[in-house]
PDB file of N, CA and C in Angstrom:
ATOM      1  N   MET A   1      36.729 -78.623 146.056  1.00  0.00           N
ATOM      2  CA  MET A   1      37.442 -79.785 145.538  1.00  0.00           C
ATOM      3  C   MET A   1      36.495 -80.828 144.952  1.00  0.00           C
ATOM      4  N   ALA A   2      35.232 -80.500 144.840  1.00  0.00           N
ATOM      5  CA  ALA A   2      34.240 -81.398 144.242  1.00  0.00           C
ATOM      6  C   ALA A   2      34.169 -82.732 144.973  1.00  0.00           C
ATOM      7  N   GLN A   3      34.183 -82.671 146.291  1.00  0.00           N
ATOM      8  CA  GLN A   3      34.082 -83.880 147.093  1.00  0.00           C
ATOM      9  C   GLN A   3      32.860 -83.805 148.003  1.00  0.00           C
ATOM     10  N   THR A   4      32.317 -84.980 148.309  1.00  0.00           N
ATOM     11  CA  THR A   4      31.210 -85.082 149.244  1.00  0.00           C
ATOM     12  C   THR A   4      31.739 -85.670 150.542  1.00  0.00           C
ATOM     13  N   GLY A   5      31.436 -85.016 151.648  1.00  0.00           N
ATOM     14  CA  GLY A   5      31.898 -85.505 152.941  1.00  0.00           C
ATOM     15  C   GLY A   5      30.902 -86.473 153.549  1.00  0.00           C
ATOM     16  N   ILE A   6      31.419 -87.530 154.144  1.00  0.00           N
ATOM     17  CA  ILE A   6      30.594 -88.528 154.809  1.00  0.00           C
ATOM     18  C   ILE A   6      31.140 -88.717 156.222  1.00  0.00           C
ATOM     19  N   LEU A   7      30.262 -88.540 157.206  1.00  0.00           N
ATOM     20  CA  LEU A   7      30.654 -88.777 158.593  1.00  0.00           C
ATOM     21  C   LEU A   7      30.344 -90.220 158.946  1.00  0.00           C
ATOM     22  N   VAL A   8      31.278 -90.874 159.603  1.00  0.00           N
ATOM     23  CA  VAL A   8      31.099 -92.251 160.044  1.00  0.00           C
ATOM     24  C   VAL A   8      30.960 -92.241 161.558  1.00  0.00           C
ATOM     25  N   SER A   9      29.928 -92.917 162.062  1.00  0.00           N
ATOM     26  CA  SER A   9      29.746 -92.943 163.514  1.00  0.00           C
ATOM     27  C   SER A   9      29.647 -94.384 164.016  1.00  0.00           C
ATOM     28  N   ILE A  10      30.102 -94.566 165.249  1.00  0.00           N
ATOM     29  CA  ILE A  10      29.975 -95.841 165.935  1.00  0.00           C
ATOM     30  C   ILE A  10      29.331 -95.541 167.281  1.00  0.00           C
ATOM     31  N   ASN A  11      28.190 -96.158 167.531  1.00  0.00           N
ATOM     32  CA  ASN A  11      27.449 -95.919 168.765  1.00  0.00           C
ATOM     33  C   ASN A  11      27.171 -94.438 169.007  1.00  0.00           C
ATOM     34  N   GLY A  12      26.834 -93.720 167.935  1.00  0.00           N
ATOM     35  CA  GLY A  12      26.477 -92.312 168.054  1.00  0.00           C
ATOM     36  C   GLY A  12      27.653 -91.356 168.179  1.00  0.00           C
ATOM     37  N   GLU A  13      28.881 -91.853 168.111  1.00  0.00           N
ATOM     38  CA  GLU A  13      30.076 -91.004 168.192  1.00  0.00           C
ATOM     39  C   GLU A  13      30.765 -90.958 166.830  1.00  0.00           C
ATOM     40  N   VAL A  14      31.196 -89.779 166.426  1.00  0.00           N
ATOM     41  CA  VAL A  14      31.900 -89.653 165.154  1.00  0.00           C
ATOM     42  C   VAL A  14      33.219 -90.416 165.246  1.00  0.00           C
ATOM     43  N   ALA A  15      33.398 -91.357 164.319  1.00  0.00           N
ATOM     44  CA  ALA A  15      34.603 -92.185 164.311  1.00  0.00           C
ATOM     45  C   ALA A  15      35.504 -91.871 163.119  1.00  0.00           C
ATOM     46  N   GLY A  16      34.972 -91.165 162.147  1.00  0.00           N
ATOM     47  CA  GLY A  16      35.788 -90.853 160.983  1.00  0.00           C
ATOM     48  C   GLY A  16      35.045 -89.997 159.979  1.00  0.00           C
ATOM     49  N   VAL A  17      35.803 -89.490 159.045  1.00  0.00           N
ATOM     50  CA  VAL A  17      35.265 -88.670 157.968  1.00  0.00           C
ATOM     51  C   VAL A  17      35.865 -89.173 156.661  1.00  0.00           C
ATOM     52  N   LEU A  18      35.005 -89.354 155.670  1.00  0.00           N
ATOM     53  CA  LEU A  18      35.454 -89.755 154.336  1.00  0.00           C
ATOM     54  C   LEU A  18      35.113 -88.651 153.352  1.00  0.00           C
ATOM     55  N   ALA A  19      35.943 -88.482 152.366  1.00  0.00           N
ATOM     56  CA  ALA A  19      35.653 -87.551 151.275  1.00  0.00           C
ATOM     57  C   ALA A  19      35.685 -88.349 149.975  1.00  0.00           C
ATOM     58  N   ILE A  20      34.585 -88.323 149.238  1.00  0.00           N
ATOM     59  CA  ILE A  20      34.511 -89.079 147.986  1.00  0.00           C
ATOM     60  C   ILE A  20      34.169 -88.134 146.834  1.00  0.00           C
ATOM     61  N   SER A  21      34.538 -88.554 145.641  1.00  0.00           N
ATOM     62  CA  SER A  21      34.194 -87.767 144.457  1.00  0.00           C
ATOM     63  C   SER A  21      34.123 -88.690 143.251  1.00  0.00           C
ATOM     64  N   ASP A  22      33.370 -88.259 142.258  1.00  0.00           N
ATOM     65  CA  ASP A  22      33.314 -88.982 140.994  1.00  0.00           C
ATOM     66  C   ASP A  22      34.435 -88.454 140.109  1.00  0.00           C
ATOM     67  N   PRO A  23      35.187 -89.346 139.488  1.00  0.00           N
ATOM     68  CA  PRO A  23      36.234 -88.861 138.580  1.00  0.00           C
ATOM     69  C   PRO A  23      35.615 -88.304 137.300  1.00  0.00           C
ATOM     70  N   LEU A  24      36.322 -87.363 136.701  1.00  0.00           N
ATOM     71  CA  LEU A  24      35.885 -86.854 135.399  1.00  0.00           C
ATOM     72  C   LEU A  24      36.000 -87.957 134.360  1.00  0.00           C
ATOM     73  N   LYS A  25      35.151 -87.889 133.378  1.00  0.00           N
ATOM     74  CA  LYS A  25      35.252 -88.834 132.279  1.00  0.00           C
ATOM     75  C   LYS A  25      36.560 -88.568 131.520  1.00  0.00           C
ATOM     76  N   PRO A  26      37.259 -89.633 131.118  1.00  0.00           N
ATOM     77  CA  PRO A  26      38.474 -89.424 130.329  1.00  0.00           C
ATOM     78  C   PRO A  26      38.149 -88.636 129.062  1.00  0.00           C
ATOM     79  N   GLY A  27      38.917 -87.628 128.793  1.00  0.00           N
ATOM     80  CA  GLY A  27      38.720 -86.847 127.581  1.00  0.00           C
ATOM     81  C   GLY A  27      37.730 -85.701 127.701  1.00  0.00           C
ATOM     82  N   ALA A  28      37.106 -85.519 128.877  1.00  0.00           N
ATOM     83  CA  ALA A  28      36.092 -84.458 129.024  1.00  0.00           C
ATOM     84  C   ALA A  28      36.689 -83.079 128.742  1.00  0.00           C
ATOM     85  N   GLN A  29      37.852 -82.813 129.293  1.00  0.00           N
ATOM     86  CA  GLN A  29      38.484 -81.509 129.088  1.00  0.00           C
ATOM     87  C   GLN A  29      38.816 -81.298 127.609  1.00  0.00           C
ATOM     88  N   GLU A  30      39.280 -82.344 126.947  1.00  0.00           N
ATOM     89  CA  GLU A  30      39.613 -82.251 125.521  1.00  0.00           C
ATOM     90  C   GLU A  30      38.370 -81.975 124.678  1.00  0.00           C
ATOM     91  N   VAL A  31      37.264 -82.630 125.010  1.00  0.00           N
ATOM     92  CA  VAL A  31      36.016 -82.425 124.258  1.00  0.00           C
ATOM     93  C   VAL A  31      35.551 -80.980 124.390  1.00  0.00           C
ATOM     94  N   ILE A  32      35.585 -80.432 125.611  1.00  0.00           N
ATOM     95  CA  ILE A  32      35.169 -79.041 125.812  1.00  0.00           C
ATOM     96  C   ILE A  32      36.085 -78.104 125.034  1.00  0.00           C
ATOM     97  N   SER A  33      37.368 -78.395 125.030  1.00  0.00           N
ATOM     98  CA  SER A  33      38.321 -77.570 124.282  1.00  0.00           C
ATOM     99  C   SER A  33      38.015 -77.601 122.777  1.00  0.00           C
ATOM    100  N   ILE A  34      37.706 -78.774 122.265  1.00  0.00           N
ATOM    101  CA  ILE A  34      37.366 -78.902 120.835  1.00  0.00           C
ATOM    102  C   ILE A  34      36.087 -78.123 120.526  1.00  0.00           C
ATOM    103  N   LEU A  35      35.084 -78.261 121.380  1.00  0.00           N
ATOM    104  CA  LEU A  35      33.833 -77.525 121.167  1.00  0.00           C
ATOM    105  C   LEU A  35      34.084 -76.015 121.169  1.00  0.00           C
ATOM    106  N   LYS A  36      34.919 -75.540 122.099  1.00  0.00           N
ATOM    107  CA  LYS A  36      35.245 -74.107 122.137  1.00  0.00           C
ATOM    108  C   LYS A  36      35.914 -73.668 120.842  1.00  0.00           C
ATOM    109  N   SER A  37      36.810 -74.499 120.318  1.00  0.00           N
ATOM    110  CA  SER A  37      37.500 -74.136 119.066  1.00  0.00           C
ATOM    111  C   SER A  37      36.526 -74.068 117.895  1.00  0.00           C
ATOM    112  N   MET A  38      35.388 -74.760 118.027  1.00  0.00           N
ATOM    113  CA  MET A  38      34.352 -74.741 116.995  1.00  0.00           C
ATOM    114  C   MET A  38      33.315 -73.649 117.268  1.00  0.00           C
ATOM    115  N   LYS A  39      33.610 -72.793 118.283  1.00  0.00           N
ATOM    116  CA  LYS A  39      32.718 -71.694 118.671  1.00  0.00           C
ATOM    117  C   LYS A  39      31.384 -72.197 119.217  1.00  0.00           C
ATOM    118  N   ILE A  40      31.410 -73.378 119.840  1.00  0.00           N
ATOM    119  CA  ILE A  40      30.212 -73.935 120.475  1.00  0.00           C
ATOM    120  C   ILE A  40      30.315 -73.687 121.971  1.00  0.00           C
ATOM    121  N   ARG A  41      29.320 -73.049 122.537  1.00  0.00           N
ATOM    122  CA  ARG A  41      29.302 -72.729 123.966  1.00  0.00           C
ATOM    123  C   ARG A  41      28.705 -73.896 124.738  1.00  0.00           C
ATOM    124  N   SER A  42      29.403 -74.347 125.760  1.00  0.00           N
ATOM    125  CA  SER A  42      28.926 -75.437 126.599  1.00  0.00           C
ATOM    126  C   SER A  42      28.378 -74.872 127.903  1.00  0.00           C
ATOM    127  N   ILE A  43      27.260 -75.415 128.347  1.00  0.00           N
ATOM    128  CA  ILE A  43      26.651 -75.031 129.616  1.00  0.00           C
ATOM    129  C   ILE A  43      26.462 -76.312 130.428  1.00  0.00           C
ATOM    130  N   MET A  44      26.936 -76.294 131.666  1.00  0.00           N
ATOM    131  CA  MET A  44      26.765 -77.457 132.526  1.00  0.00           C
ATOM    132  C   MET A  44      25.511 -77.258 133.374  1.00  0.00           C
ATOM    133  N   VAL A  45      24.590 -78.226 133.316  1.00  0.00           N
ATOM    134  CA  VAL A  45      23.376 -78.212 134.134  1.00  0.00           C
ATOM    135  C   VAL A  45      23.433 -79.453 135.011  1.00  0.00           C
ATOM    136  N   THR A  46      23.374 -79.260 136.323  1.00  0.00           N
ATOM    137  CA  THR A  46      23.533 -80.371 137.245  1.00  0.00           C
ATOM    138  C   THR A  46      22.686 -80.196 138.499  1.00  0.00           C
ATOM    139  N   GLY A  47      22.387 -81.287 139.132  1.00  0.00           N
ATOM    140  CA  GLY A  47      21.694 -81.244 140.414  1.00  0.00           C
ATOM    141  C   GLY A  47      22.658 -81.074 141.575  1.00  0.00           C
ATOM    142  N   ASP A  48      23.962 -81.149 141.292  1.00  0.00           N
ATOM    143  CA  ASP A  48      24.975 -80.966 142.337  1.00  0.00           C
ATOM    144  C   ASP A  48      24.928 -79.560 142.903  1.00  0.00           C
ATOM    145  N   ASN A  49      25.511 -79.383 144.081  1.00  0.00           N
ATOM    146  CA  ASN A  49      25.549 -78.054 144.700  1.00  0.00           C
ATOM    147  C   ASN A  49      26.505 -77.141 143.929  1.00  0.00           C
ATOM    148  N   TRP A  50      26.408 -75.848 144.208  1.00  0.00           N
ATOM    149  CA  TRP A  50      27.190 -74.857 143.456  1.00  0.00           C
ATOM    150  C   TRP A  50      28.691 -75.057 143.594  1.00  0.00           C
ATOM    151  N   GLY A  51      29.155 -75.401 144.786  1.00  0.00           N
ATOM    152  CA  GLY A  51      30.595 -75.594 144.991  1.00  0.00           C
ATOM    153  C   GLY A  51      31.151 -76.710 144.132  1.00  0.00           C
ATOM    154  N   THR A  52      30.473 -77.847 144.161  1.00  0.00           N
ATOM    155  CA  THR A  52      30.905 -78.995 143.360  1.00  0.00           C
ATOM    156  C   THR A  52      30.807 -78.681 141.875  1.00  0.00           C
ATOM    157  N   ALA A  53      29.684 -78.103 141.475  1.00  0.00           N
ATOM    158  CA  ALA A  53      29.475 -77.791 140.056  1.00  0.00           C
ATOM    159  C   ALA A  53      30.541 -76.838 139.532  1.00  0.00           C
ATOM    160  N   ASN A  54      30.825 -75.781 140.262  1.00  0.00           N
ATOM    161  CA  ASN A  54      31.827 -74.810 139.812  1.00  0.00           C
ATOM    162  C   ASN A  54      33.221 -75.417 139.764  1.00  0.00           C
ATOM    163  N   SER A  55      33.542 -76.280 140.711  1.00  0.00           N
ATOM    164  CA  SER A  55      34.849 -76.930 140.723  1.00  0.00           C
ATOM    165  C   SER A  55      35.043 -77.804 139.488  1.00  0.00           C
ATOM    166  N   ILE A  56      34.044 -78.608 139.173  1.00  0.00           N
ATOM    167  CA  ILE A  56      34.116 -79.476 137.991  1.00  0.00           C
ATOM    168  C   ILE A  56      34.152 -78.636 136.712  1.00  0.00           C
ATOM    169  N   ALA A  57      33.316 -77.619 136.645  1.00  0.00           N
ATOM    170  CA  ALA A  57      33.272 -76.765 135.454  1.00  0.00           C
ATOM    171  C   ALA A  57      34.632 -76.119 135.198  1.00  0.00           C
ATOM    172  N   ARG A  58      35.259 -75.611 136.237  1.00  0.00           N
ATOM    173  CA  ARG A  58      36.592 -75.000 136.078  1.00  0.00           C
ATOM    174  C   ARG A  58      37.600 -76.024 135.577  1.00  0.00           C
ATOM    175  N   GLU A  59      37.504 -77.236 136.103  1.00  0.00           N
ATOM    176  CA  GLU A  59      38.456 -78.282 135.736  1.00  0.00           C
ATOM    177  C   GLU A  59      38.396 -78.632 134.249  1.00  0.00           C
ATOM    178  N   VAL A  60      37.204 -78.606 133.676  1.00  0.00           N
ATOM    179  CA  VAL A  60      37.073 -78.965 132.256  1.00  0.00           C
ATOM    180  C   VAL A  60      37.013 -77.759 131.325  1.00  0.00           C
ATOM    181  N   GLY A  61      36.873 -76.560 131.890  1.00  0.00           N
ATOM    182  CA  GLY A  61      36.863 -75.362 131.053  1.00  0.00           C
ATOM    183  C   GLY A  61      35.484 -74.860 130.676  1.00  0.00           C
ATOM    184  N   ILE A  62      34.465 -75.225 131.431  1.00  0.00           N
ATOM    185  CA  ILE A  62      33.109 -74.735 131.175  1.00  0.00           C
ATOM    186  C   ILE A  62      32.893 -73.473 132.003  1.00  0.00           C
ATOM    187  N   GLU A  63      32.395 -72.434 131.356  1.00  0.00           N
ATOM    188  CA  GLU A  63      32.223 -71.149 132.016  1.00  0.00           C
ATOM    189  C   GLU A  63      30.808 -70.909 132.534  1.00  0.00           C
ATOM    190  N   ASP A  64      29.827 -71.507 131.909  1.00  0.00           N
ATOM    191  CA  ASP A  64      28.423 -71.282 132.293  1.00  0.00           C
ATOM    192  C   ASP A  64      27.896 -72.506 133.039  1.00  0.00           C
ATOM    193  N   VAL A  65      27.414 -72.283 134.263  1.00  0.00           N
ATOM    194  CA  VAL A  65      26.969 -73.383 135.120  1.00  0.00           C
ATOM    195  C   VAL A  65      25.583 -73.084 135.687  1.00  0.00           C
ATOM    196  N   ILE A  66      24.729 -74.089 135.671  1.00  0.00           N
ATOM    197  CA  ILE A  66      23.449 -74.033 136.380  1.00  0.00           C
ATOM    198  C   ILE A  66      23.490 -75.206 137.335  1.00  0.00           C
ATOM    199  N   ALA A  67      23.501 -74.925 138.634  1.00  0.00           N
ATOM    200  CA  ALA A  67      23.610 -75.976 139.659  1.00  0.00           C
ATOM    201  C   ALA A  67      22.316 -76.088 140.452  1.00  0.00           C
ATOM    202  N   GLU A  68      22.219 -77.151 141.230  1.00  0.00           N
ATOM    203  CA  GLU A  68      21.064 -77.429 142.065  1.00  0.00           C
ATOM    204  C   GLU A  68      19.766 -77.434 141.257  1.00  0.00           C
ATOM    205  N   ALA A  69      19.887 -77.898 140.008  1.00  0.00           N
ATOM    206  CA  ALA A  69      18.726 -77.961 139.111  1.00  0.00           C
ATOM    207  C   ALA A  69      17.838 -79.132 139.495  1.00  0.00           C
ATOM    208  N   LYS A  70      16.560 -78.945 139.373  1.00  0.00           N
ATOM    209  CA  LYS A  70      15.592 -80.001 139.638  1.00  0.00           C
ATOM    210  C   LYS A  70      15.306 -80.761 138.351  1.00  0.00           C
ATOM    211  N   PRO A  71      14.991 -82.063 138.467  1.00  0.00           N
ATOM    212  CA  PRO A  71      14.714 -82.852 137.249  1.00  0.00           C
ATOM    213  C   PRO A  71      13.503 -82.334 136.498  1.00  0.00           C
TER     214      PRO A  71
END
């Protein structure tokens, strides 16, 4: 689901769990679709983990992903 889990603790005891995510940029899916119609292949390169990267890529229509990339 492209979310990062955060554990919250109080005095060393788990008190809660949060799940956060960055929203997609408006129009990202449309841009990828336009590029595909122009026969341009998009590749997503990210430092995010494979699960997050693949989830986002599927959402926008990108088929080629390189995740956990170093700067």
